[in-house]
Structure formats: C-alpha cells, structure tokens
Amino acid sequence: FNHLKLNRLEAHIAIDNINSIHLFKKCGFKEEGTLKQYLKFNHKFHDTIVLADVKEEVS
C-alpha cells in the first residue's frame, strides 16, 4: 500500500467463482456487497461480489 501510495484495493468477482472469492478472503479482503448483473461474459450478465482491502485495515 505504501510503496504504490494506495489506500484501497478492490476486486469484482463473478459470484459463482468460489475459488477466487476464497483466495481473496484468505488474503484479507472483506466482502462489501453484491452488484446485480454487473459483469457481462458469454453474452450474459452475471452478479459479482465486491471484495476490498483498505490501508488502515491491513495488518
């Protein structure tokens, strides 16, 4: 965070991508909510989960 002068890192992950969600949570990211039909792939819209890590929350 300090080296790149970042305050927040955020990930938007397809809700059915359980492995990626688990990986980000294992790295300390917190679930902030769901965005309905946010991502489009394979000609369909998909819900995404928003995960974030904020500088002051990093241990």
PDB file of N, CA and C in Angstrom:
ATOM      1  N   PHE A   1       0.828  -1.189   0.000  1.00  0.00           N
ATOM      2  CA  PHE A   1       0.000   0.000   0.000  1.00  0.00           C
ATOM      3  C   PHE A   1       0.874   1.254   0.000  1.00  0.00           C
ATOM      4  N   ASN A   2       1.860   1.293   0.861  1.00  0.00           N
ATOM      5  CA  ASN A   2       2.694   2.493   0.974  1.00  0.00           C
ATOM      6  C   ASN A   2       3.557   2.710  -0.264  1.00  0.00           C
ATOM      7  N   HIS A   3       4.181   1.653  -0.756  1.00  0.00           N
ATOM      8  CA  HIS A   3       5.085   1.776  -1.902  1.00  0.00           C
ATOM      9  C   HIS A   3       4.360   2.335  -3.127  1.00  0.00           C
ATOM     10  N   LEU A   4       3.146   1.876  -3.378  1.00  0.00           N
ATOM     11  CA  LEU A   4       2.372   2.346  -4.535  1.00  0.00           C
ATOM     12  C   LEU A   4       1.453   3.512  -4.195  1.00  0.00           C
ATOM     13  N   LYS A   5       1.489   3.956  -2.934  1.00  0.00           N
ATOM     14  CA  LYS A   5       0.649   5.062  -2.455  1.00  0.00           C
ATOM     15  C   LYS A   5      -0.842   4.778  -2.675  1.00  0.00           C
ATOM     16  N   LEU A   6      -1.214   3.548  -2.350  1.00  0.00           N
ATOM     17  CA  LEU A   6      -2.611   3.134  -2.479  1.00  0.00           C
ATOM     18  C   LEU A   6      -3.313   3.229  -1.141  1.00  0.00           C
ATOM     19  N   ASN A   7      -4.586   3.484  -1.180  1.00  0.00           N
ATOM     20  CA  ASN A   7      -5.400   3.475   0.027  1.00  0.00           C
ATOM     21  C   ASN A   7      -6.358   2.292   0.032  1.00  0.00           C
ATOM     22  N   ARG A   8      -6.709   1.815  -1.167  1.00  0.00           N
ATOM     23  CA  ARG A   8      -7.733   0.783  -1.271  1.00  0.00           C
ATOM     24  C   ARG A   8      -7.464  -0.115  -2.479  1.00  0.00           C
ATOM     25  N   LEU A   9      -7.641  -1.412  -2.268  1.00  0.00           N
ATOM     26  CA  LEU A   9      -7.623  -2.386  -3.357  1.00  0.00           C
ATOM     27  C   LEU A   9      -8.998  -3.027  -3.405  1.00  0.00           C
ATOM     28  N   GLU A  10      -9.515  -3.207  -4.605  1.00  0.00           N
ATOM     29  CA  GLU A  10     -10.875  -3.712  -4.767  1.00  0.00           C
ATOM     30  C   GLU A  10     -10.901  -4.789  -5.840  1.00  0.00           C
ATOM     31  N   ALA A  11     -11.734  -5.817  -5.635  1.00  0.00           N
ATOM     32  CA  ALA A  11     -11.913  -6.886  -6.624  1.00  0.00           C
ATOM     33  C   ALA A  11     -13.393  -7.102  -6.865  1.00  0.00           C
ATOM     34  N   HIS A  12     -13.752  -7.233  -8.133  1.00  0.00           N
ATOM     35  CA  HIS A  12     -15.119  -7.573  -8.531  1.00  0.00           C
ATOM     36  C   HIS A  12     -15.038  -8.969  -9.137  1.00  0.00           C
ATOM     37  N   ILE A  13     -15.665  -9.945  -8.493  1.00  0.00           N
ATOM     38  CA  ILE A  13     -15.529 -11.345  -8.895  1.00  0.00           C
ATOM     39  C   ILE A  13     -16.908 -11.936  -9.143  1.00  0.00           C
ATOM     40  N   ALA A  14     -17.040 -12.685 -10.234  1.00  0.00           N
ATOM     41  CA  ALA A  14     -18.307 -13.362 -10.521  1.00  0.00           C
ATOM     42  C   ALA A  14     -18.712 -14.202  -9.310  1.00  0.00           C
ATOM     43  N   ILE A  15     -19.972 -14.105  -8.945  1.00  0.00           N
ATOM     44  CA  ILE A  15     -20.467 -14.713  -7.711  1.00  0.00           C
ATOM     45  C   ILE A  15     -20.294 -16.233  -7.680  1.00  0.00           C
ATOM     46  N   ASP A  16     -20.223 -16.858  -8.846  1.00  0.00           N
ATOM     47  CA  ASP A  16     -20.060 -18.314  -8.877  1.00  0.00           C
ATOM     48  C   ASP A  16     -18.593 -18.746  -8.946  1.00  0.00           C
ATOM     49  N   ASN A  17     -17.667 -17.788  -8.883  1.00  0.00           N
ATOM     50  CA  ASN A  17     -16.238 -18.093  -8.897  1.00  0.00           C
ATOM     51  C   ASN A  17     -15.748 -18.269  -7.451  1.00  0.00           C
ATOM     52  N   ILE A  18     -16.178 -19.354  -6.861  1.00  0.00           N
ATOM     53  CA  ILE A  18     -15.933 -19.624  -5.438  1.00  0.00           C
ATOM     54  C   ILE A  18     -14.442 -19.658  -5.103  1.00  0.00           C
ATOM     55  N   ASN A  19     -13.629 -20.263  -5.963  1.00  0.00           N
ATOM     56  CA  ASN A  19     -12.192 -20.367  -5.678  1.00  0.00           C
ATOM     57  C   ASN A  19     -11.526 -18.996  -5.583  1.00  0.00           C
ATOM     58  N   SER A  20     -11.859 -18.085  -6.486  1.00  0.00           N
ATOM     59  CA  SER A  20     -11.273 -16.738  -6.438  1.00  0.00           C
ATOM     60  C   SER A  20     -11.748 -15.967  -5.214  1.00  0.00           C
ATOM     61  N   ILE A  21     -13.020 -16.091  -4.894  1.00  0.00           N
ATOM     62  CA  ILE A  21     -13.560 -15.415  -3.708  1.00  0.00           C
ATOM     63  C   ILE A  21     -12.830 -15.900  -2.463  1.00  0.00           C
ATOM     64  N   HIS A  22     -12.647 -17.211  -2.355  1.00  0.00           N
ATOM     65  CA  HIS A  22     -11.947 -17.788  -1.203  1.00  0.00           C
ATOM     66  C   HIS A  22     -10.500 -17.282  -1.133  1.00  0.00           C
ATOM     67  N   LEU A  23      -9.830 -17.204  -2.270  1.00  0.00           N
ATOM     68  CA  LEU A  23      -8.441 -16.734  -2.307  1.00  0.00           C
ATOM     69  C   LEU A  23      -8.324 -15.299  -1.805  1.00  0.00           C
ATOM     70  N   PHE A  24      -9.202 -14.416  -2.284  1.00  0.00           N
ATOM     71  CA  PHE A  24      -9.150 -13.018  -1.854  1.00  0.00           C
ATOM     72  C   PHE A  24      -9.462 -12.888  -0.364  1.00  0.00           C
ATOM     73  N   LYS A  25     -10.436 -13.640   0.128  1.00  0.00           N
ATOM     74  CA  LYS A  25     -10.756 -13.587   1.560  1.00  0.00           C
ATOM     75  C   LYS A  25      -9.584 -14.098   2.385  1.00  0.00           C
ATOM     76  N   LYS A  26      -8.909 -15.125   1.891  1.00  0.00           N
ATOM     77  CA  LYS A  26      -7.740 -15.665   2.590  1.00  0.00           C
ATOM     78  C   LYS A  26      -6.616 -14.626   2.662  1.00  0.00           C
ATOM     79  N   CYS A  27      -6.566 -13.735   1.671  1.00  0.00           N
ATOM     80  CA  CYS A  27      -5.561 -12.660   1.636  1.00  0.00           C
ATOM     81  C   CYS A  27      -5.989 -11.433   2.433  1.00  0.00           C
ATOM     82  N   GLY A  28      -7.126 -11.501   3.114  1.00  0.00           N
ATOM     83  CA  GLY A  28      -7.545 -10.410   3.984  1.00  0.00           C
ATOM     84  C   GLY A  28      -8.592  -9.475   3.414  1.00  0.00           C
ATOM     85  N   PHE A  29      -9.049  -9.725   2.205  1.00  0.00           N
ATOM     86  CA  PHE A  29     -10.091  -8.878   1.625  1.00  0.00           C
ATOM     87  C   PHE A  29     -11.420  -9.153   2.324  1.00  0.00           C
ATOM     88  N   LYS A  30     -12.213  -8.101   2.501  1.00  0.00           N
ATOM     89  CA  LYS A  30     -13.519  -8.200   3.161  1.00  0.00           C
ATOM     90  C   LYS A  30     -14.623  -8.032   2.124  1.00  0.00           C
ATOM     91  N   GLU A  31     -15.686  -8.801   2.300  1.00  0.00           N
ATOM     92  CA  GLU A  31     -16.833  -8.704   1.403  1.00  0.00           C
ATOM     93  C   GLU A  31     -17.598  -7.419   1.690  1.00  0.00           C
ATOM     94  N   GLU A  32     -17.846  -6.633   0.640  1.00  0.00           N
ATOM     95  CA  GLU A  32     -18.554  -5.364   0.800  1.00  0.00           C
ATOM     96  C   GLU A  32     -19.950  -5.380   0.208  1.00  0.00           C
ATOM     97  N   GLY A  33     -20.229  -6.329  -0.652  1.00  0.00           N
ATOM     98  CA  GLY A  33     -21.571  -6.386  -1.221  1.00  0.00           C
ATOM     99  C   GLY A  33     -21.616  -7.114  -2.546  1.00  0.00           C
ATOM    100  N   THR A  34     -22.801  -7.070  -3.149  1.00  0.00           N
ATOM    101  CA  THR A  34     -23.051  -7.731  -4.423  1.00  0.00           C
ATOM    102  C   THR A  34     -23.581  -6.719  -5.427  1.00  0.00           C
ATOM    103  N   LEU A  35     -23.100  -6.808  -6.637  1.00  0.00           N
ATOM    104  CA  LEU A  35     -23.599  -5.975  -7.729  1.00  0.00           C
ATOM    105  C   LEU A  35     -24.374  -6.878  -8.684  1.00  0.00           C
ATOM    106  N   LYS A  36     -25.653  -6.618  -8.814  1.00  0.00           N
ATOM    107  CA  LYS A  36     -26.517  -7.439  -9.660  1.00  0.00           C
ATOM    108  C   LYS A  36     -26.239  -7.172 -11.135  1.00  0.00           C
ATOM    109  N   GLN A  37     -26.062  -8.247 -11.888  1.00  0.00           N
ATOM    110  CA  GLN A  37     -25.857  -8.214 -13.338  1.00  0.00           C
ATOM    111  C   GLN A  37     -24.816  -7.172 -13.750  1.00  0.00           C
ATOM    112  N   TYR A  38     -23.685  -7.183 -13.078  1.00  0.00           N
ATOM    113  CA  TYR A  38     -22.629  -6.186 -13.269  1.00  0.00           C
ATOM    114  C   TYR A  38     -21.647  -6.565 -14.379  1.00  0.00           C
ATOM    115  N   LEU A  39     -21.317  -7.848 -14.467  1.00  0.00           N
ATOM    116  CA  LEU A  39     -20.319  -8.328 -15.420  1.00  0.00           C
ATOM    117  C   LEU A  39     -20.984  -9.017 -16.601  1.00  0.00           C
ATOM    118  N   LYS A  40     -20.501  -8.759 -17.798  1.00  0.00           N
ATOM    119  CA  LYS A  40     -21.046  -9.443 -18.964  1.00  0.00           C
ATOM    120  C   LYS A  40     -19.969 -10.322 -19.589  1.00  0.00           C
ATOM    121  N   PHE A  41     -20.234 -11.616 -19.678  1.00  0.00           N
ATOM    122  CA  PHE A  41     -19.384 -12.525 -20.428  1.00  0.00           C
ATOM    123  C   PHE A  41     -20.248 -13.660 -20.950  1.00  0.00           C
ATOM    124  N   ASN A  42     -19.810 -14.253 -22.031  1.00  0.00           N
ATOM    125  CA  ASN A  42     -20.589 -15.283 -22.733  1.00  0.00           C
ATOM    126  C   ASN A  42     -21.991 -14.787 -23.079  1.00  0.00           C
ATOM    127  N   HIS A  43     -22.086 -13.517 -23.451  1.00  0.00           N
ATOM    128  CA  HIS A  43     -23.342 -12.896 -23.889  1.00  0.00           C
ATOM    129  C   HIS A  43     -24.415 -12.853 -22.802  1.00  0.00           C
ATOM    130  N   LYS A  44     -24.009 -12.980 -21.544  1.00  0.00           N
ATOM    131  CA  LYS A  44     -24.956 -12.918 -20.429  1.00  0.00           C
ATOM    132  C   LYS A  44     -24.386 -12.029 -19.334  1.00  0.00           C
ATOM    133  N   PHE A  45     -25.281 -11.417 -18.576  1.00  0.00           N
ATOM    134  CA  PHE A  45     -24.864 -10.630 -17.419  1.00  0.00           C
ATOM    135  C   PHE A  45     -24.830 -11.518 -16.181  1.00  0.00           C
ATOM    136  N   HIS A  46     -23.858 -11.240 -15.304  1.00  0.00           N
ATOM    137  CA  HIS A  46     -23.658 -12.048 -14.104  1.00  0.00           C
ATOM    138  C   HIS A  46     -23.517 -11.142 -12.883  1.00  0.00           C
ATOM    139  N   ASP A  47     -23.991 -11.627 -11.741  1.00  0.00           N
ATOM    140  CA  ASP A  47     -23.804 -10.916 -10.481  1.00  0.00           C
ATOM    141  C   ASP A  47     -22.340 -11.020 -10.069  1.00  0.00           C
ATOM    142  N   THR A  48     -21.848  -9.991  -9.392  1.00  0.00           N
ATOM    143  CA  THR A  48     -20.479 -10.028  -8.878  1.00  0.00           C
ATOM    144  C   THR A  48     -20.477  -9.709  -7.390  1.00  0.00           C
ATOM    145  N   ILE A  49     -19.471 -10.205  -6.736  1.00  0.00           N
ATOM    146  CA  ILE A  49     -19.244  -9.881  -5.334  1.00  0.00           C
ATOM    147  C   ILE A  49     -18.105  -8.863  -5.306  1.00  0.00           C
ATOM    148  N   VAL A  50     -18.222  -7.868  -4.448  1.00  0.00           N
ATOM    149  CA  VAL A  50     -17.179  -6.850  -4.305  1.00  0.00           C
ATOM    150  C   VAL A  50     -16.416  -7.153  -3.019  1.00  0.00           C
ATOM    151  N   LEU A  51     -15.112  -7.309  -3.160  1.00  0.00           N
ATOM    152  CA  LEU A  51     -14.224  -7.535  -2.024  1.00  0.00           C
ATOM    153  C   LEU A  51     -13.200  -6.409  -2.015  1.00  0.00           C
ATOM    154  N   ALA A  52     -12.829  -5.946  -0.831  1.00  0.00           N
ATOM    155  CA  ALA A  52     -11.873  -4.839  -0.758  1.00  0.00           C
ATOM    156  C   ALA A  52     -10.961  -4.982   0.455  1.00  0.00           C
ATOM    157  N   ASP A  53      -9.810  -4.362   0.334  1.00  0.00           N
ATOM    158  CA  ASP A  53      -8.865  -4.244   1.440  1.00  0.00           C
ATOM    159  C   ASP A  53      -8.473  -2.770   1.502  1.00  0.00           C
ATOM    160  N   VAL A  54      -8.566  -2.196   2.680  1.00  0.00           N
ATOM    161  CA  VAL A  54      -8.286  -0.776   2.874  1.00  0.00           C
ATOM    162  C   VAL A  54      -7.020  -0.646   3.713  1.00  0.00           C
ATOM    163  N   LYS A  55      -6.208   0.347   3.393  1.00  0.00           N
ATOM    164  CA  LYS A  55      -4.897   0.527   4.024  1.00  0.00           C
ATOM    165  C   LYS A  55      -4.954   0.424   5.546  1.00  0.00           C
ATOM    166  N   GLU A  56      -5.881   1.113   6.190  1.00  0.00           N
ATOM    167  CA  GLU A  56      -5.904   1.102   7.655  1.00  0.00           C
ATOM    168  C   GLU A  56      -6.309  -0.247   8.232  1.00  0.00           C
ATOM    169  N   GLU A  57      -6.872  -1.140   7.390  1.00  0.00           N
ATOM    170  CA  GLU A  57      -7.277  -2.461   7.857  1.00  0.00           C
ATOM    171  C   GLU A  57      -6.193  -3.505   7.661  1.00  0.00           C
ATOM    172  N   VAL A  58      -5.115  -3.156   6.954  1.00  0.00           N
ATOM    173  CA  VAL A  58      -4.042  -4.103   6.682  1.00  0.00           C
ATOM    174  C   VAL A  58      -3.226  -4.300   7.946  1.00  0.00           C
ATOM    175  N   SER A  59      -2.966  -5.573   8.271  1.00  0.00           N
ATOM    176  CA  SER A  59      -2.182  -5.845   9.486  1.00  0.00           C
ATOM    177  C   SER A  59      -0.722  -6.021   9.172  1.00  0.00           C
TER     178      SER A  59
END
